Amino acid sequence: MSALAIPEQFINAVAELFDAIVPVATDDELFASGYLRGHFDLAVGTLQVDGEPFAAIDVITQVNNTLELAIGNGELNPEDQQHVNKIWSQAQQLAA
């Protein structure tokens, strides 16, 4: 799937990734996936409300921007940042 693919495919694949993490995650990974899912869902919702066509790359860009802002504001400690970045990296691969 390319980053310009139908965004619903990417959105569904990422949701499945988050769901698959739940039964096997450590507490830290569970926190990170939930935190990231919030950013992801907010990005998707914002793009949907805008009413303009969008692609997976737009979701990725939006999440990258909100994560950068959140980390800059000190929302995550370095260990949590590593967990979030690892899961987000896996999620972005689903658009490739």
Protein backbone atom coordinates (compact mmCIF):
# COMPACT_ATOMS: atom_id res chain seq x y z
CA MET A 1 0.00 0.00 0.00
CA SER A 2 1.46 3.38 -0.89
CA ALA A 3 1.16 6.46 1.31
CA LEU A 4 -1.15 7.86 -1.35
CA ALA A 5 -3.42 4.82 -1.10
CA ILE A 6 -7.01 4.98 0.03
CA PRO A 7 -6.73 6.33 3.57
CA GLU A 8 -9.38 3.94 4.91
CA GLN A 9 -7.05 0.99 4.22
CA PHE A 10 -4.27 2.65 6.17
CA ILE A 11 -6.61 3.74 8.98
CA ASN A 12 -8.00 0.20 9.34
CA ALA A 13 -4.53 -1.37 9.25
CA VAL A 14 -3.28 0.95 11.99
CA ALA A 15 -6.37 0.29 14.10
CA GLU A 16 -5.70 -3.45 13.74
CA LEU A 17 -2.08 -2.87 14.83
CA PHE A 18 -3.25 -1.03 17.96
CA ASP A 19 -5.75 -3.80 18.71
CA ALA A 20 -3.12 -6.51 18.21
CA ILE A 21 -0.76 -4.82 20.69
CA VAL A 22 -3.26 -4.89 23.58
CA PRO A 23 -3.10 -8.58 24.57
CA VAL A 24 0.70 -8.83 24.37
CA ALA A 25 1.93 -5.39 25.45
CA THR A 26 3.78 -4.48 28.59
CA ASP A 27 2.21 -1.73 30.70
CA ASP A 28 4.56 0.82 29.10
CA GLU A 29 3.74 -0.38 25.58
CA LEU A 30 0.04 -0.34 26.39
CA PHE A 31 0.30 3.26 27.58
CA ALA A 32 2.28 4.22 24.47
CA SER A 33 -0.16 2.56 22.08
CA GLY A 34 -3.14 4.21 23.78
CA TYR A 35 -1.42 7.58 23.76
CA LEU A 36 -0.51 7.20 20.10
CA ARG A 37 -3.99 5.98 19.21
CA GLY A 38 -5.36 9.21 20.64
CA HIS A 39 -3.07 11.25 18.39
CA PHE A 40 -3.92 9.04 15.41
CA ASP A 41 -7.68 9.22 15.96
CA LEU A 42 -7.51 12.98 16.42
CA ALA A 43 -5.57 13.37 13.17
CA VAL A 44 -8.03 11.20 11.24
CA GLY A 45 -11.02 12.98 12.75
CA THR A 46 -9.59 16.41 11.97
CA LEU A 47 -8.93 15.46 8.37
CA GLN A 48 -12.41 13.96 8.00
CA VAL A 49 -14.10 17.06 9.44
CA ASP A 50 -12.19 19.26 6.99
CA GLY A 51 -14.20 17.53 4.28
CA GLU A 52 -11.36 17.53 1.76
CA PRO A 53 -9.95 14.36 0.22
CA PHE A 54 -6.86 13.14 2.07
CA ALA A 55 -4.31 10.36 1.84
CA ALA A 56 -2.41 8.24 4.33
CA ILE A 57 0.55 10.62 4.08
CA ASP A 58 -1.69 13.42 5.36
CA VAL A 59 -2.54 11.37 8.45
CA ILE A 60 1.14 10.59 8.98
CA THR A 61 2.09 14.25 8.67
CA GLN A 62 -0.64 15.32 11.08
CA VAL A 63 0.38 12.73 13.69
CA ASN A 64 4.06 13.62 13.30
CA ASN A 65 3.19 17.27 13.92
CA THR A 66 1.09 16.62 17.02
CA LEU A 67 3.65 14.19 18.46
CA GLU A 68 6.44 16.70 17.92
CA LEU A 69 4.41 19.37 19.69
CA ALA A 70 3.48 17.05 22.57
CA ILE A 71 7.05 15.90 23.08
CA GLY A 72 8.24 19.49 22.90
CA ASN A 73 5.74 20.33 25.64
CA GLY A 74 7.17 17.56 27.83
CA GLU A 75 4.14 15.27 27.71
CA LEU A 76 6.30 12.15 27.50
CA ASN A 77 9.39 11.08 29.37
CA PRO A 78 12.26 9.70 27.26
CA GLU A 79 11.29 6.05 27.87
CA ASP A 80 7.69 6.67 26.84
CA GLN A 81 8.93 8.57 23.78
CA GLN A 82 10.89 5.48 22.73
CA HIS A 83 7.81 3.26 23.05
CA VAL A 84 5.62 5.74 21.15
CA ASN A 85 8.23 6.17 18.42
CA LYS A 86 8.63 2.40 18.02
CA ILE A 87 4.90 1.80 17.65
CA TRP A 88 4.48 4.83 15.38
CA SER A 89 7.29 3.54 13.18
CA GLN A 90 5.46 0.21 12.86
CA ALA A 91 2.23 2.03 12.04
CA GLN A 92 3.86 4.15 9.34
CA GLN A 93 5.22 1.01 7.68
CA LEU A 94 1.62 0.02 7.00
CA ALA A 95 1.38 2.88 4.49
CA ALA A 96 4.42 1.66 2.55
